[in-house]
Amino acid sequence: MAVVWDIKEIRTDIDQGITYVHYCASDQETSGSGLEIRIYDGYYDAFVEFNPDPSAEDYTDFASLSKEQVLGWVKGSIGDDMVTTIENAIANQITRAKGSSQTTEMPWTE
């Protein structure tokens, strides 16, 4: 799968300009089937703050915003390098989870 970015919370000022965005990014990988199915997750969440300017030429009214537009602001705010770092960290979480060994045996014998 690919990393999915989402918005968890938005806060606005009195003019309904976005001042705070709580976002997350996640991915999931499944292996096996039936009783042997394993789901491995990677997750990251954080927030960014903005200072909206309603007089700006490119200002978008709150009611006209799309999720994709706000995610674009988030990614633009944190920068391409951080987007890549987050996505790599999520992939590493999944890789580590897949590599961890868990035992289902008991330490005693009957």
Protein backbone atom coordinates (compact mmCIF):
# COMPACT_ATOMS: atom_id res chain seq x y z
CA MET A 1 0.00 0.00 0.00
CA ALA A 2 0.93 3.63 -0.05
CA VAL A 3 1.05 6.04 2.84
CA VAL A 4 -2.33 7.66 3.41
CA TRP A 5 -2.40 11.22 4.76
CA ASP A 6 -5.43 12.43 6.72
CA ILE A 7 -6.69 15.37 8.76
CA LYS A 8 -7.71 14.61 12.36
CA GLU A 9 -8.66 18.10 13.56
CA ILE A 10 -8.85 21.68 12.30
CA ARG A 11 -9.07 24.81 14.40
CA THR A 12 -10.05 28.20 13.06
CA ASP A 13 -9.91 31.81 14.14
CA ILE A 14 -12.91 34.15 14.40
CA ASP A 15 -12.84 34.71 10.60
CA GLN A 16 -12.79 30.93 10.02
CA GLY A 17 -9.20 31.01 8.84
CA ILE A 18 -7.40 27.76 9.63
CA THR A 19 -4.91 28.24 12.45
CA TYR A 20 -4.18 24.62 13.44
CA VAL A 21 -4.20 21.29 11.62
CA HIS A 22 -3.70 17.96 13.38
CA TYR A 23 -2.71 15.51 10.67
CA CYS A 24 -1.63 11.90 10.45
CA ALA A 25 -0.04 9.56 7.97
CA SER A 26 -0.36 5.79 8.01
CA ASP A 27 0.22 2.65 6.03
CA GLN A 28 -0.62 -1.00 6.48
CA GLU A 29 0.70 -4.25 5.09
CA THR A 30 -1.02 -7.63 5.33
CA SER A 31 0.60 -11.01 4.98
CA GLY A 32 -0.68 -14.53 5.32
CA SER A 33 -4.29 -15.63 5.29
CA GLY A 34 -6.90 -17.25 7.50
CA LEU A 35 -5.68 -17.84 11.04
CA GLU A 36 -2.15 -16.94 9.96
CA ILE A 37 -3.02 -13.45 8.75
CA ARG A 38 -0.83 -10.65 10.08
CA ILE A 39 -1.46 -6.94 9.73
CA TYR A 40 1.48 -4.60 10.19
CA ASP A 41 0.85 -0.89 10.73
CA GLY A 42 2.92 2.26 10.60
CA TYR A 43 1.62 5.57 11.93
CA TYR A 44 2.71 9.17 12.48
CA ASP A 45 0.78 12.18 13.68
CA ALA A 46 1.61 15.79 14.44
CA PHE A 47 0.23 19.27 13.95
CA VAL A 48 1.08 22.49 12.17
CA GLU A 49 -0.06 26.01 12.93
CA PHE A 50 -0.93 28.70 10.42
CA ASN A 51 -1.48 32.47 10.45
CA PRO A 52 -4.29 32.98 7.93
CA ASP A 53 -4.57 36.28 6.08
CA PRO A 54 -8.11 36.87 4.76
CA SER A 55 -6.84 39.76 2.64
CA ALA A 56 -4.37 37.57 0.73
CA GLU A 57 -5.12 37.09 -2.95
CA ASP A 58 -4.99 33.29 -2.70
CA TYR A 59 -7.11 33.08 0.48
CA THR A 60 -9.79 30.37 0.27
CA ASP A 61 -13.03 30.66 2.20
CA PHE A 62 -13.41 27.91 4.81
CA ALA A 63 -16.55 26.47 3.19
CA SER A 64 -14.68 26.12 -0.12
CA LEU A 65 -11.68 24.23 1.23
CA SER A 66 -11.04 20.63 0.30
CA LYS A 67 -9.19 18.00 2.29
CA GLU A 68 -6.61 17.79 -0.50
CA GLN A 69 -6.00 21.53 -0.32
CA VAL A 70 -5.43 21.47 3.44
CA LEU A 71 -3.15 18.43 3.14
CA GLY A 72 -1.24 20.37 0.48
CA TRP A 73 -0.77 23.21 2.98
CA VAL A 74 0.41 20.73 5.62
CA LYS A 75 2.92 19.09 3.31
CA GLY A 76 4.06 22.48 2.00
CA SER A 77 4.52 23.70 5.56
CA ILE A 78 6.63 20.75 6.69
CA GLY A 79 8.53 20.48 3.38
CA ASP A 80 9.32 17.68 0.96
CA ASP A 81 12.22 16.37 3.05
CA MET A 82 10.00 15.94 6.11
CA VAL A 83 7.25 14.29 4.04
CA THR A 84 9.85 11.79 2.82
CA THR A 85 11.19 11.30 6.36
CA ILE A 86 7.68 10.60 7.70
CA GLU A 87 6.87 8.15 4.91
CA ASN A 88 10.21 6.37 5.38
CA ALA A 89 9.63 6.17 9.14
CA ILE A 90 6.24 4.56 8.56
CA ALA A 91 7.80 2.02 6.17
CA ASN A 92 10.49 1.29 8.78
CA GLN A 93 7.85 0.73 11.47
CA ILE A 94 6.21 -1.88 9.26
CA THR A 95 9.55 -3.52 8.41
CA ARG A 96 10.51 -3.72 12.10
CA ALA A 97 7.12 -5.16 13.03
CA LYS A 98 7.44 -7.82 10.33
CA GLY A 99 10.92 -8.71 11.56
CA SER A 100 9.95 -9.07 15.20
CA SER A 101 9.54 -12.60 16.38
CA GLN A 102 6.76 -13.45 18.72
CA THR A 103 6.42 -16.82 20.31
CA THR A 104 3.16 -18.62 20.94
CA GLU A 105 4.63 -21.37 23.07
CA MET A 106 4.50 -21.61 26.84
CA PRO A 107 7.68 -21.65 28.95
CA TRP A 108 6.54 -24.80 30.77
CA THR A 109 5.67 -28.32 29.72
CA GLU A 110 2.52 -30.18 30.71
